[in-house]
Each structure stands twice: as structure tokens, then as C-alpha cells.
Amino acid sequence: MDLDLDLAALRPLGPFFALRTPPGGPGGPAAALPSLALAYRETPGSAAPDVPADPLAFRVRKVTRALRASEDRIGASVAQQGLAARLWSVTLGCAVLYGSVPDLAPGLLRWDPDAAAPDDLWLTEVRARPGDAATVAATVLDDHLEPLSAALRARHRVAPGLLRGNSGSALAGAARQLDLWARAHGRPDMAARARALTAELFAHPLLAATGTLTGTAFRRRSCCLYYRVPGGGVCGDCCFTRPPRSSPRAPSG
């Protein structure tokens, strides 16, 4: 199936999978939003008058306040995992449903750092690329999550292993949701494609050490720090079975 300009096949999968595409191309409501290319700059640059000069720092502050977290590195971790979940969901969903993925170059993706979760993303131009594991990995890991991790580490005291663990967790979550949707809608072929593609992706050097994938279940080797949020606990795929009591830092993976 060819990519359609609205990427309409993603919408039934839920808000983490859906990607907005402005009618008429690059103009419209997304024009005033910063691109992810701007967000990933390790040294903030100039921006349009209505755009935060450092949209990534703005997002981390927003998430930190919303969580009532005591450290900005907690907000940085949760913000990164939220964006990783969106990117994996869109790309994996397209690869399975369409057989190809859109070009998600950071300069083509507009992002609202002030939006609620899940992250509000707009793709300004739909251009098809192959849907194989190598292209999916390059699209998400190389183009987005590695530069995002570098930008976050330049601003906050957050371990690279933790961020890669977040990336693995986000991929596993997207794959699990896609598998559930495919089975519920009588598409075992899509469920099998999602599992096979996910297994290939977890063989990538940047993901192989993040945890153990068994079927659609994932157990990570690091912690996202959510247990340090007031009222928070450990996530379902956490390396911990209960929140640590005394250790000031979670393992970085």
C-alpha cells in the first residue's frame, strides 16, 4: 500500500501512532512550531518570535513541573521517552501497515513543546522510504533518538544508558500495541510482521543491550526514574521489581 498524504491508516491505532500532515504542504498551523531539528541543537540557536529559543529545555521544564519531580533529569527522561514512543509508533506502524515509512527527517517534523501528551507532531511533507528494519532504525535512532540524547545530556545530568533503555522500552510498547491491534482486527499477518520487525530492530547495536524481548514482553536493564516522581512506582518493564529506597540513582543500563 502506498503512503497516503494523510497517513490515515495510522489513526485507528490511537494517538501515539497518528501523525498530523498539514493540508497544502509546509504552510498552515504547523508553520509557527519549531522543527525537531531546532530542538536537537546542543547549543540553542535563534528561533522565530513565537517559538521558544530552546524548545527542548522548555519541554523538559513543562514535564518536570507536571510530574512535580524534584530533579530536571527525571523530566528529561520522561520527556525523551514520550517523544521516542511517538517516533517508534509512527514509523513501526507505517512499516507494518503500508510496507514503507515516511521520511521523518528532523527538519520535516514540527513539534509543539507546550502540548499535552502524547507529543504533538506535524509532518510537513510526506515522502516514502523503504519499510525494512535498517531504514526504520536509521529513521528513528540515527535521525532522532541519538541527537535527542546528545542534546539532553548537554543540558541535564542524565545517563546515556538510561536514555537508550527508554528508547528500547518505547519500541517494545509500540510493537505490543500494534500486535494487539492487529490481532483484534483479524490481521495475524500484520501481527507477525510487527513481531519480526521488532526483533530485527532489537538486534541493532544501540538497542541490543537495553533489555530482553520475549515475544511482545520486554524487560529493560535500566530504569527511567519514574519511581522518583511523587506517587510514582516502577513501570511494568522496569529492571526493579519495587522502587529502590536508598539509592540516589537508578542504573544507567
Protein backbone atom coordinates (compact mmCIF):
# COMPACT_ATOMS: atom_id res chain seq x y z
CA MET A 1 0.00 0.00 0.00
CA ASP A 2 1.36 3.42 -0.95
CA LEU A 3 1.60 6.12 1.71
CA ASP A 4 -1.38 8.46 1.54
CA LEU A 5 -0.91 12.15 2.28
CA ASP A 6 -2.97 11.93 5.48
CA LEU A 7 -1.39 8.67 6.73
CA ALA A 8 -4.99 7.74 7.51
CA ALA A 9 -4.26 4.06 8.22
CA LEU A 10 -2.47 5.08 11.44
CA ARG A 11 -5.43 6.83 13.05
CA PRO A 12 -7.33 3.73 14.24
CA LEU A 13 -4.25 2.64 16.20
CA GLY A 14 -4.54 5.56 18.61
CA PRO A 15 -2.97 8.94 19.35
CA PHE A 16 0.61 7.70 19.70
CA PHE A 17 0.51 6.40 16.12
CA ALA A 18 -1.38 9.21 14.36
CA LEU A 19 0.69 11.87 12.63
CA ARG A 20 -0.73 15.18 11.51
CA THR A 21 0.04 16.37 7.99
CA PRO A 22 -0.91 19.97 7.19
CA PRO A 23 -3.13 20.38 4.14
CA GLY A 24 -1.36 22.08 1.27
CA GLY A 25 2.17 21.21 2.38
CA PRO A 26 4.57 23.11 4.63
CA GLY A 27 2.27 26.05 5.44
CA GLY A 28 -0.72 26.14 7.76
CA PRO A 29 -0.99 25.74 11.54
CA ALA A 30 2.33 23.93 11.91
CA ALA A 31 4.35 26.74 10.34
CA ALA A 32 4.84 28.57 13.65
CA LEU A 33 6.03 25.48 15.51
CA PRO A 34 9.73 24.62 15.91
CA SER A 35 11.17 21.72 13.97
CA LEU A 36 12.76 18.83 15.79
CA ALA A 37 16.00 19.83 14.06
CA LEU A 38 15.89 23.03 16.12
CA ALA A 39 15.05 21.09 19.29
CA TYR A 40 18.04 18.77 18.88
CA ARG A 41 20.65 21.53 18.78
CA GLU A 42 23.05 21.01 21.65
CA THR A 43 23.59 24.78 21.77
CA PRO A 44 20.25 26.59 21.46
CA GLY A 45 20.05 28.93 18.50
CA SER A 46 17.75 31.69 17.38
CA ALA A 47 14.10 30.97 16.66
CA ALA A 48 11.01 32.72 15.34
CA PRO A 49 9.44 35.24 17.76
CA ASP A 50 6.65 32.87 18.86
CA VAL A 51 8.96 29.84 19.25
CA PRO A 52 10.97 29.14 22.44
CA ALA A 53 14.68 29.65 21.75
CA ASP A 54 15.29 26.25 23.37
CA PRO A 55 12.15 24.14 22.78
CA LEU A 56 13.72 21.04 24.29
CA ALA A 57 14.55 22.78 27.57
CA PHE A 58 11.03 24.26 27.54
CA ARG A 59 9.54 20.76 27.19
CA VAL A 60 11.67 19.30 29.96
CA ARG A 61 10.65 22.12 32.33
CA LYS A 62 7.00 21.57 31.47
CA VAL A 63 7.18 17.82 32.11
CA THR A 64 9.18 18.29 35.31
CA ARG A 65 6.57 20.70 36.68
CA ALA A 66 3.67 18.48 35.63
CA LEU A 67 5.23 15.50 37.43
CA ARG A 68 6.19 17.61 40.46
CA ALA A 69 9.58 15.97 40.08
CA SER A 70 12.47 17.02 42.30
CA GLU A 71 15.10 16.86 39.53
CA ASP A 72 15.08 18.03 35.94
CA ARG A 73 16.78 14.79 34.86
CA ILE A 74 13.52 12.99 35.73
CA GLY A 75 11.59 15.34 33.49
CA ALA A 76 14.25 14.90 30.79
CA SER A 77 13.90 11.11 30.95
CA VAL A 78 10.10 11.13 30.80
CA ALA A 79 10.06 13.74 28.02
CA GLN A 80 12.54 11.73 25.95
CA GLN A 81 10.61 8.50 26.40
CA GLY A 82 7.38 10.21 25.35
CA LEU A 83 8.91 11.51 22.14
CA ALA A 84 10.60 8.16 21.48
CA ALA A 85 7.24 6.41 21.84
CA ARG A 86 5.70 8.72 19.23
CA LEU A 87 8.52 8.26 16.75
CA TRP A 88 8.65 4.48 17.09
CA SER A 89 4.86 4.20 16.88
CA VAL A 90 4.57 6.25 13.70
CA THR A 91 7.49 4.55 11.97
CA LEU A 92 6.76 0.98 13.03
CA GLY A 93 3.06 1.46 12.30
CA CYS A 94 3.76 2.70 8.78
CA ALA A 95 6.27 -0.08 8.10
CA VAL A 96 3.71 -2.73 9.07
CA LEU A 97 0.52 -1.19 7.64
CA TYR A 98 1.92 0.40 4.49
CA GLY A 99 5.14 -1.52 3.88
CA SER A 100 7.01 1.80 3.72
CA VAL A 101 7.76 4.66 6.09
CA PRO A 102 7.60 8.42 5.66
CA ASP A 103 10.79 10.44 5.62
CA LEU A 104 10.81 11.79 9.17
CA ALA A 105 13.89 13.98 8.83
CA PRO A 106 14.01 16.31 11.88
CA GLY A 107 13.71 19.32 9.60
CA LEU A 108 10.39 17.99 8.24
CA LEU A 109 8.78 17.34 11.63
CA ARG A 110 7.21 20.22 13.55
CA TRP A 111 6.70 19.79 17.27
CA ASP A 112 4.67 21.65 19.88
CA PRO A 113 6.75 21.57 23.08
CA ASP A 114 3.84 23.08 25.04
CA ALA A 115 1.29 20.40 24.10
CA ALA A 116 -0.03 17.69 26.39
CA ALA A 117 0.97 14.05 25.96
CA PRO A 118 1.28 12.36 23.55
CA ASP A 119 3.66 14.72 21.76
CA ASP A 120 2.01 16.79 19.04
CA LEU A 121 3.87 16.15 15.76
CA TRP A 122 3.23 17.54 12.28
CA LEU A 123 4.90 16.20 9.15
CA THR A 124 5.23 18.99 6.61
CA GLU A 125 5.84 16.74 3.59
CA VAL A 126 5.08 13.05 3.01
CA ARG A 127 7.89 11.26 1.16
CA ALA A 128 8.04 7.47 1.14
CA ARG A 129 11.08 5.41 2.13
CA PRO A 130 11.50 1.61 2.36
CA GLY A 131 9.92 -0.14 5.33
CA ASP A 132 12.80 -2.50 6.18
CA ALA A 133 14.45 -2.70 9.61
CA ALA A 134 17.59 -0.84 8.53
CA THR A 135 15.57 2.13 7.28
CA VAL A 136 13.33 2.14 10.35
CA ALA A 137 16.39 2.11 12.64
CA ALA A 138 18.09 4.89 10.68
CA THR A 139 14.88 6.96 10.72
CA VAL A 140 14.29 6.72 14.46
CA LEU A 141 17.66 6.01 16.08
CA ASP A 142 20.14 7.83 13.85
CA ASP A 143 17.98 10.78 12.80
CA HIS A 144 16.20 11.36 16.11
CA LEU A 145 16.97 9.48 19.29
CA GLU A 146 20.74 9.75 19.23
CA PRO A 147 20.75 13.54 18.53
CA LEU A 148 17.94 13.94 21.08
CA SER A 149 20.00 12.06 23.66
CA ALA A 150 23.07 14.22 22.94
CA ALA A 151 21.01 17.40 23.31
CA LEU A 152 19.53 16.23 26.61
CA ARG A 153 22.91 15.20 28.01
CA ALA A 154 24.29 18.64 27.09
CA ARG A 155 21.63 20.20 29.33
CA HIS A 156 20.90 17.66 32.08
CA ARG A 157 22.64 15.07 34.24
CA VAL A 158 21.11 12.01 32.60
CA ALA A 159 22.94 8.81 31.69
CA PRO A 160 23.13 7.66 28.05
CA GLY A 161 22.28 4.07 29.07
CA LEU A 162 19.10 5.26 30.73
CA LEU A 163 18.04 7.12 27.58
CA ARG A 164 18.77 4.12 25.38
CA GLY A 165 16.77 1.98 27.79
CA ASN A 166 13.90 4.42 27.33
CA SER A 167 14.25 4.01 23.57
CA GLY A 168 14.05 0.23 23.86
CA SER A 169 11.08 0.43 26.19
CA ALA A 170 9.28 2.82 23.83
CA LEU A 171 9.87 0.50 20.86
CA ALA A 172 8.60 -2.52 22.78
CA GLY A 173 5.50 -0.61 23.86
CA ALA A 174 4.72 0.49 20.29
CA ALA A 175 5.21 -3.06 19.00
CA ARG A 176 2.98 -4.52 21.72
CA GLN A 177 0.18 -2.08 20.94
CA LEU A 178 0.48 -2.76 17.20
CA ASP A 179 0.40 -6.52 17.81
CA LEU A 180 -2.74 -6.21 19.98
CA TRP A 181 -4.48 -4.06 17.37
CA ALA A 182 -3.61 -6.43 14.53
CA ARG A 183 -4.87 -9.48 16.42
CA ALA A 184 -8.07 -7.74 17.49
CA HIS A 185 -8.79 -6.84 13.86
CA GLY A 186 -8.10 -10.28 12.44
CA ARG A 187 -4.77 -9.42 10.86
CA PRO A 188 -2.33 -12.10 12.02
CA ASP A 189 -0.09 -11.22 9.07
CA MET A 190 0.40 -7.72 10.44
CA ALA A 191 0.97 -9.05 13.96
CA ALA A 192 3.66 -11.40 12.63
CA ARG A 193 5.25 -8.59 10.61
CA ALA A 194 5.32 -6.34 13.69
CA ARG A 195 6.98 -9.02 15.83
CA ALA A 196 9.56 -9.90 13.17
CA LEU A 197 10.46 -6.28 12.51
CA THR A 198 10.72 -5.52 16.22
CA ALA A 199 13.04 -8.48 16.76
CA GLU A 200 15.28 -7.23 13.94
CA LEU A 201 15.34 -3.76 15.48
CA PHE A 202 16.36 -5.09 18.89
CA ALA A 203 19.40 -6.70 17.24
CA HIS A 204 20.66 -3.18 16.44
CA PRO A 205 23.81 -2.27 18.44
CA LEU A 206 22.06 0.72 20.05
CA LEU A 207 19.17 -1.44 21.32
CA ALA A 208 20.61 -4.92 21.87
CA ALA A 209 21.85 -4.16 25.39
CA THR A 210 18.75 -2.26 26.53
CA GLY A 211 16.80 -5.31 27.70
CA THR A 212 15.32 -8.69 26.85
CA LEU A 213 12.46 -9.11 24.40
CA THR A 214 10.39 -12.29 24.79
CA GLY A 215 7.54 -12.37 22.33
CA THR A 216 5.91 -9.00 22.91
CA ALA A 217 7.11 -8.76 26.54
CA PHE A 218 10.15 -6.64 27.36
CA ARG A 219 12.29 -6.36 30.48
CA ARG A 220 14.70 -3.48 30.41
CA ARG A 221 18.09 -3.31 32.13
CA SER A 222 17.75 0.28 33.29
CA CYS A 223 15.19 2.49 35.00
CA CYS A 224 13.50 5.62 33.62
CA LEU A 225 13.44 7.23 37.11
CA TYR A 226 9.64 7.41 37.24
CA TYR A 227 9.73 5.83 40.70
CA ARG A 228 11.22 9.12 41.93
CA VAL A 229 8.08 11.04 40.95
CA PRO A 230 5.73 11.75 43.91
CA GLY A 231 3.23 8.91 43.92
CA GLY A 232 5.11 7.09 41.14
CA GLY A 233 6.20 3.48 41.13
CA VAL A 234 8.09 1.12 38.89
CA CYS A 235 6.95 0.58 35.31
CA GLY A 236 5.89 -2.82 34.02
CA ASP A 237 9.17 -3.40 32.17
CA CYS A 238 11.49 -1.89 34.80
CA CYS A 239 14.68 -3.61 35.94
CA PHE A 240 13.40 -3.11 39.50
CA THR A 241 10.55 -5.14 40.97
CA ARG A 242 9.91 -2.49 43.60
CA PRO A 243 11.03 1.14 43.98
CA PRO A 244 14.54 1.44 45.45
CA ARG A 245 14.57 3.08 48.85
CA SER A 246 18.06 4.41 49.35
CA SER A 247 19.94 4.54 46.05
CA PRO A 248 20.03 8.13 44.73
CA ARG A 249 20.45 6.96 41.15
CA ALA A 250 18.90 4.24 39.05
CA PRO A 251 21.25 2.08 36.99
CA SER A 252 22.05 3.53 33.58
CA GLY A 253 21.97 0.22 31.75
